[in-house]
N, C-alpha and C. Protein backbone atom coordinates (compact mmCIF):
# COMPACT_ATOMS: atom_id res chain seq x y z
N MET A 1 144.72 -114.76 -111.35
CA MET A 1 145.82 -113.72 -110.87
C MET A 1 146.84 -113.87 -109.71
N PRO A 2 148.35 -113.80 -109.99
CA PRO A 2 149.09 -114.17 -108.79
C PRO A 2 148.82 -113.58 -107.52
N LYS A 3 149.29 -114.14 -106.67
CA LYS A 3 148.53 -114.45 -104.89
C LYS A 3 149.79 -113.37 -104.80
N ALA A 4 149.23 -112.48 -103.74
CA ALA A 4 150.10 -111.28 -103.18
C ALA A 4 150.64 -112.07 -102.30
N LYS A 5 152.42 -111.77 -102.37
CA LYS A 5 153.05 -112.50 -101.17
C LYS A 5 153.53 -111.25 -99.95
N ASN A 6 153.64 -110.16 -100.09
CA ASN A 6 154.18 -108.96 -99.04
C ASN A 6 153.20 -108.67 -97.90
N ASN A 7 153.24 -110.10 -97.28
CA ASN A 7 152.15 -109.63 -96.34
C ASN A 7 152.73 -108.90 -94.79
N VAL A 8 153.94 -109.07 -94.82
CA VAL A 8 154.14 -108.09 -93.44
C VAL A 8 153.69 -106.71 -94.18
N ALA A 9 154.02 -105.97 -95.66
CA ALA A 9 153.45 -104.74 -95.20
C ALA A 9 152.31 -104.23 -95.16
N SER A 10 151.64 -105.66 -95.62
CA SER A 10 150.19 -105.41 -95.59
C SER A 10 149.66 -105.69 -93.96
N ARG A 11 149.77 -106.50 -93.63
CA ARG A 11 149.68 -106.63 -92.12
C ARG A 11 150.35 -104.74 -91.13
N ALA A 12 151.60 -104.33 -91.53
CA ALA A 12 151.96 -103.39 -91.06
C ALA A 12 150.53 -102.38 -91.54
N ARG A 13 150.05 -102.49 -92.84
CA ARG A 13 149.41 -101.07 -92.90
C ARG A 13 147.89 -101.38 -92.45
N ARG A 14 147.78 -102.71 -91.67
CA ARG A 14 146.43 -102.69 -91.34
C ARG A 14 146.86 -102.49 -90.12
N ARG A 15 147.51 -103.00 -89.26
CA ARG A 15 147.93 -102.62 -87.52
C ARG A 15 148.08 -101.02 -87.67
N LYS A 16 148.57 -100.17 -88.40
CA LYS A 16 148.59 -98.52 -88.28
C LYS A 16 147.18 -98.51 -88.06
N VAL A 17 146.37 -98.93 -88.96
CA VAL A 17 144.91 -98.02 -88.99
C VAL A 17 144.06 -98.52 -87.87
N LEU A 18 144.24 -99.94 -87.45
CA LEU A 18 143.35 -100.32 -86.11
C LEU A 18 143.98 -99.69 -84.63
N LYS A 19 145.35 -99.36 -85.11
CA LYS A 19 146.31 -98.89 -83.72
C LYS A 19 145.70 -96.97 -83.62
N LEU A 20 145.24 -96.71 -84.55
CA LEU A 20 144.63 -95.07 -84.39
C LEU A 20 143.15 -95.65 -84.42
N ALA A 21 142.81 -96.52 -84.46
CA ALA A 21 141.10 -96.78 -84.26
C ALA A 21 140.77 -96.64 -82.82
N LYS A 22 141.83 -97.54 -82.05
CA LYS A 22 141.68 -97.71 -80.36
C LYS A 22 141.07 -96.52 -79.82
N GLY A 23 140.17 -97.62 -79.32
CA GLY A 23 139.82 -96.44 -78.58
C GLY A 23 137.96 -96.21 -79.06
N TYR A 24 137.95 -96.86 -80.25
CA TYR A 24 136.59 -96.51 -80.98
C TYR A 24 135.52 -97.19 -80.51
N TRP A 25 134.09 -97.24 -80.62
CA TRP A 25 133.56 -98.05 -80.42
C TRP A 25 133.31 -99.06 -81.04
N GLY A 26 132.90 -100.63 -80.58
CA GLY A 26 132.16 -101.53 -81.28
C GLY A 26 133.59 -102.07 -82.57
N SER A 27 132.89 -102.48 -83.56
CA SER A 27 133.79 -102.51 -84.99
C SER A 27 134.40 -101.90 -85.66
N ARG A 28 134.05 -100.46 -85.07
CA ARG A 28 135.33 -99.79 -85.42
C ARG A 28 136.42 -99.76 -84.96
N SER A 29 137.14 -100.03 -84.18
CA SER A 29 138.01 -100.50 -83.48
C SER A 29 139.03 -101.49 -83.98
N LYS A 30 137.77 -102.78 -84.51
CA LYS A 30 137.74 -104.31 -84.55
C LYS A 30 138.46 -105.01 -86.03
N VAL A 31 137.13 -104.01 -86.75
CA VAL A 31 137.10 -104.87 -88.12
C VAL A 31 137.89 -103.61 -89.09
N TYR A 32 139.01 -104.42 -89.31
CA TYR A 32 139.81 -103.34 -90.67
C TYR A 32 139.03 -102.33 -91.08
N THR A 33 138.16 -102.95 -92.08
CA THR A 33 137.83 -102.29 -93.33
C THR A 33 136.82 -100.74 -92.28
N VAL A 34 136.18 -101.25 -91.63
CA VAL A 34 135.19 -100.65 -91.02
C VAL A 34 136.13 -99.14 -90.32
N ALA A 35 137.59 -100.02 -89.88
CA ALA A 35 138.36 -98.80 -88.98
C ALA A 35 138.58 -98.04 -89.69
N LYS A 36 138.94 -98.32 -91.03
CA LYS A 36 139.66 -98.08 -91.71
C LYS A 36 138.78 -96.55 -92.28
N HIS A 37 137.39 -96.47 -92.60
CA HIS A 37 136.93 -95.72 -92.96
C HIS A 37 136.67 -94.48 -91.30
N SER A 38 136.74 -95.31 -90.45
CA SER A 38 136.54 -93.99 -89.01
C SER A 38 137.79 -93.33 -88.71
N VAL A 39 138.92 -93.98 -88.82
CA VAL A 39 139.76 -93.26 -89.04
C VAL A 39 139.78 -92.30 -90.15
N GLU A 40 139.93 -92.60 -91.83
CA GLU A 40 140.02 -91.72 -92.54
C GLU A 40 138.62 -90.21 -91.78
N LYS A 41 137.98 -90.43 -91.33
CA LYS A 41 136.69 -89.74 -91.01
C LYS A 41 137.56 -88.73 -90.27
N GLY A 42 138.01 -89.27 -89.49
CA GLY A 42 138.64 -88.57 -88.00
C GLY A 42 139.71 -87.72 -88.29
N LEU A 43 140.18 -88.35 -89.15
CA LEU A 43 141.58 -86.94 -89.39
C LEU A 43 141.17 -86.25 -90.33
N GLN A 44 139.88 -86.18 -90.93
CA GLN A 44 139.21 -85.02 -91.53
C GLN A 44 138.81 -84.17 -90.96
N TYR A 45 137.84 -84.75 -89.73
CA TYR A 45 137.64 -84.46 -88.34
C TYR A 45 138.97 -83.35 -87.91
N ALA A 46 139.74 -83.62 -88.32
CA ALA A 46 140.99 -83.48 -87.30
C ALA A 46 141.73 -82.15 -87.92
N TYR A 47 142.27 -82.08 -88.99
CA TYR A 47 142.82 -81.29 -89.75
C TYR A 47 141.57 -80.07 -89.37
N ARG A 48 140.42 -80.81 -90.02
CA ARG A 48 138.80 -79.35 -90.16
C ARG A 48 139.24 -78.26 -89.16
N ASP A 49 139.11 -79.15 -87.36
CA ASP A 49 139.01 -78.45 -86.96
C ASP A 49 140.34 -77.75 -85.97
N ARG A 50 141.63 -78.12 -86.26
CA ARG A 50 142.65 -77.48 -85.86
C ARG A 50 142.70 -76.05 -86.79
N LYS A 51 141.95 -75.49 -87.56
CA LYS A 51 141.53 -74.68 -88.23
C LYS A 51 140.62 -73.53 -87.25
N ASN A 52 139.35 -74.33 -86.86
CA ASN A 52 138.23 -73.64 -86.75
C ASN A 52 138.78 -73.59 -84.96
N LYS A 53 139.70 -74.09 -84.51
CA LYS A 53 139.92 -73.82 -82.90
C LYS A 53 140.61 -72.86 -82.88
N LYS A 54 141.38 -72.25 -84.21
CA LYS A 54 141.81 -70.75 -84.19
C LYS A 54 140.76 -69.61 -84.06
N ARG A 55 139.36 -70.43 -84.84
CA ARG A 55 138.53 -69.41 -85.15
C ARG A 55 138.05 -68.99 -83.89
N THR A 56 137.72 -70.22 -82.72
CA THR A 56 137.07 -70.47 -81.63
C THR A 56 137.59 -69.47 -81.02
N PHE A 57 138.99 -69.33 -80.68
CA PHE A 57 139.78 -68.65 -79.35
C PHE A 57 140.23 -67.50 -79.91
N ARG A 58 139.47 -66.91 -81.33
CA ARG A 58 139.77 -65.65 -81.60
C ARG A 58 138.77 -64.63 -81.01
N SER A 59 137.14 -65.46 -80.89
CA SER A 59 135.93 -65.08 -80.69
C SER A 59 136.33 -65.14 -79.40
N LEU A 60 136.84 -65.62 -78.77
CA LEU A 60 136.71 -66.01 -76.75
C LEU A 60 137.31 -65.03 -76.51
N TRP A 61 138.45 -64.46 -76.91
CA TRP A 61 139.29 -63.35 -76.96
C TRP A 61 139.00 -62.14 -76.94
N ILE A 62 137.85 -61.53 -78.24
CA ILE A 62 137.41 -60.66 -78.51
C ILE A 62 135.88 -60.32 -77.18
N VAL A 63 135.13 -61.54 -76.90
CA VAL A 63 134.42 -61.46 -75.54
C VAL A 63 134.93 -60.99 -74.59
N ARG A 64 136.08 -61.94 -74.16
CA ARG A 64 136.73 -61.37 -73.03
C ARG A 64 137.03 -59.58 -73.12
N ILE A 65 137.94 -59.50 -74.14
CA ILE A 65 137.76 -57.56 -74.18
C ILE A 65 136.97 -57.29 -74.32
N ASN A 66 135.69 -57.41 -74.78
CA ASN A 66 134.94 -56.56 -74.75
C ASN A 66 134.08 -56.42 -73.77
N ALA A 67 133.68 -57.32 -72.54
CA ALA A 67 133.10 -57.57 -71.54
C ALA A 67 134.42 -56.65 -70.40
N ALA A 68 135.48 -56.92 -70.08
CA ALA A 68 136.78 -55.43 -69.62
C ALA A 68 136.53 -54.55 -70.33
N ALA A 69 135.86 -54.48 -71.33
CA ALA A 69 136.63 -52.99 -72.09
C ALA A 69 134.98 -52.27 -71.42
N ARG A 70 134.34 -52.94 -71.68
CA ARG A 70 132.83 -52.03 -70.61
C ARG A 70 132.79 -52.47 -69.51
N LEU A 71 133.56 -52.51 -68.56
CA LEU A 71 133.69 -52.68 -67.32
C LEU A 71 134.86 -50.80 -67.14
N ASN A 72 135.31 -50.80 -68.13
CA ASN A 72 135.70 -49.65 -68.17
C ASN A 72 135.43 -48.47 -68.93
N GLY A 73 134.10 -48.39 -69.08
CA GLY A 73 133.34 -47.69 -70.02
C GLY A 73 133.45 -47.63 -71.55
N THR A 74 134.10 -48.60 -72.14
CA THR A 74 134.35 -47.99 -73.64
C THR A 74 133.50 -49.57 -74.22
N THR A 75 133.88 -49.47 -75.06
CA THR A 75 133.45 -50.96 -76.26
C THR A 75 134.96 -52.14 -76.29
N TYR A 76 134.74 -53.26 -77.31
CA TYR A 76 135.48 -53.70 -77.49
C TYR A 76 135.96 -52.78 -79.08
N SER A 77 134.87 -52.21 -79.69
CA SER A 77 135.64 -51.73 -81.26
C SER A 77 136.23 -50.55 -81.14
N ARG A 78 136.04 -49.51 -80.21
CA ARG A 78 136.46 -48.80 -79.97
C ARG A 78 137.60 -48.48 -79.07
N LEU A 79 137.57 -49.51 -78.63
CA LEU A 79 139.09 -49.87 -77.62
C LEU A 79 140.16 -50.28 -78.87
N ILE A 80 139.74 -50.91 -79.11
CA ILE A 80 140.77 -51.64 -80.72
C ILE A 80 140.85 -50.85 -81.73
N SER A 81 139.83 -49.55 -81.66
CA SER A 81 140.25 -48.34 -83.00
C SER A 81 141.30 -47.83 -82.00
N ALA A 82 140.89 -47.01 -80.99
CA ALA A 82 142.28 -45.96 -80.01
C ALA A 82 143.20 -47.08 -80.19
N MET A 83 143.26 -48.06 -79.57
CA MET A 83 144.74 -48.07 -80.21
C MET A 83 145.60 -48.43 -81.08
N SER A 84 144.70 -48.65 -82.32
CA SER A 84 145.52 -48.49 -83.43
C SER A 84 146.15 -47.13 -83.98
N LYS A 85 144.89 -46.17 -83.37
CA LYS A 85 145.49 -45.10 -83.32
C LYS A 85 146.56 -44.46 -82.57
N LYS A 86 146.74 -44.68 -81.66
CA LYS A 86 147.50 -44.52 -80.90
C LYS A 86 148.92 -45.63 -81.21
N GLY A 87 148.63 -46.68 -82.17
CA GLY A 87 149.87 -47.31 -82.32
C GLY A 87 150.18 -48.31 -81.26
N VAL A 88 149.35 -48.72 -80.15
CA VAL A 88 149.81 -49.67 -79.13
C VAL A 88 149.40 -51.32 -80.10
N ASP A 89 150.49 -52.02 -80.20
CA ASP A 89 150.46 -53.07 -80.99
C ASP A 89 150.45 -53.90 -79.56
N ILE A 90 149.17 -54.46 -79.46
CA ILE A 90 148.95 -55.46 -78.55
C ILE A 90 147.89 -56.73 -78.82
N ASN A 91 148.24 -57.98 -79.10
CA ASN A 91 147.38 -58.67 -80.02
C ASN A 91 146.22 -59.16 -78.75
N ARG A 92 145.45 -59.53 -79.34
CA ARG A 92 143.85 -60.12 -78.37
C ARG A 92 144.31 -60.83 -77.62
N LYS A 93 145.11 -62.21 -78.20
CA LYS A 93 145.40 -63.27 -76.85
C LYS A 93 145.69 -62.25 -75.76
N ILE A 94 146.73 -61.85 -75.77
CA ILE A 94 147.37 -60.61 -74.91
C ILE A 94 146.69 -59.89 -73.66
N LEU A 95 145.77 -59.47 -74.55
CA LEU A 95 144.93 -58.34 -74.36
C LEU A 95 143.51 -59.22 -73.93
N ALA A 96 143.30 -60.34 -73.97
CA ALA A 96 142.38 -61.00 -73.25
C ALA A 96 142.34 -61.85 -71.68
N SER A 97 144.29 -61.88 -71.59
CA SER A 97 144.81 -62.85 -70.86
C SER A 97 144.80 -61.39 -69.51
N LEU A 98 145.35 -60.61 -69.83
CA LEU A 98 145.59 -59.14 -69.34
C LEU A 98 143.83 -58.94 -68.59
N ALA A 99 142.82 -58.76 -69.64
CA ALA A 99 142.05 -58.85 -68.90
C ALA A 99 141.08 -59.42 -67.34
N VAL A 100 141.88 -60.79 -67.46
CA VAL A 100 141.03 -61.89 -66.88
C VAL A 100 142.37 -61.55 -65.94
N GLU A 101 143.40 -62.05 -65.81
CA GLU A 101 144.18 -62.01 -64.51
C GLU A 101 145.28 -61.01 -64.28
N ASN A 102 144.86 -59.86 -64.58
CA ASN A 102 145.35 -58.23 -64.34
C ASN A 102 144.64 -57.42 -64.63
N PRO A 103 143.38 -57.48 -64.05
CA PRO A 103 141.94 -56.08 -64.25
C PRO A 103 143.01 -54.30 -63.99
N ASN A 104 143.79 -54.36 -63.47
CA ASN A 104 144.29 -53.09 -63.38
C ASN A 104 145.33 -52.71 -64.46
N ALA A 105 146.10 -53.43 -65.30
CA ALA A 105 146.85 -53.05 -66.09
C ALA A 105 145.70 -52.98 -67.39
N PHE A 106 144.99 -53.52 -67.33
CA PHE A 106 143.93 -53.26 -68.45
C PHE A 106 143.41 -52.26 -68.79
N ALA A 107 142.72 -51.94 -67.22
CA ALA A 107 142.38 -50.69 -67.21
C ALA A 107 143.30 -49.34 -67.33
N ASP A 108 144.66 -49.09 -67.07
CA ASP A 108 145.62 -48.85 -67.33
C ASP A 108 145.95 -48.25 -69.03
N ILE A 109 145.63 -50.02 -69.58
CA ILE A 109 145.62 -49.48 -71.31
C ILE A 109 144.81 -48.30 -71.73
N VAL A 110 143.76 -49.00 -71.58
CA VAL A 110 142.01 -48.56 -71.93
C VAL A 110 142.42 -46.85 -71.15
N LYS A 111 142.99 -46.59 -70.25
CA LYS A 111 143.22 -45.10 -69.94
C LYS A 111 143.84 -44.59 -70.91
N PHE A 112 144.45 -44.94 -71.45
CA PHE A 112 146.07 -44.31 -71.61
C PHE A 112 145.64 -44.13 -73.31
N VAL A 113 144.85 -45.10 -74.05
CA VAL A 113 144.76 -45.34 -75.20
C VAL A 113 143.42 -44.23 -75.20
N SER A 114 142.74 -43.77 -74.40
CA SER A 114 140.76 -43.09 -74.81
C SER A 114 141.62 -41.63 -74.26
N ALA A 115 142.62 -41.69 -73.74
CA ALA A 115 143.44 -40.23 -73.28
C ALA A 115 143.70 -39.47 -74.20
């Protein structure tokens, strides 16, 4: 078998993987073959969790809206239903931030849609 001569590219590939593995524990950050598996798995987790983060934040917003809605005498589902019937298009992210940062404005929205 002929000798592989492209040392520059193979070293760059290894250095790139080891750079991504920086901060990993033990041989996961030092040994190329171990680091390669750790980095691959880490990138898989990163891809998956970018999707999961959206899910998590939406559920957090819903919990906050529900808590604020119950303080104003309604529930989350009734509030969202009333908002869609009235044609109020405020997304959950903005509603949740209003509920936390400006409860009076949130109460005004609840009064408007329930009236």
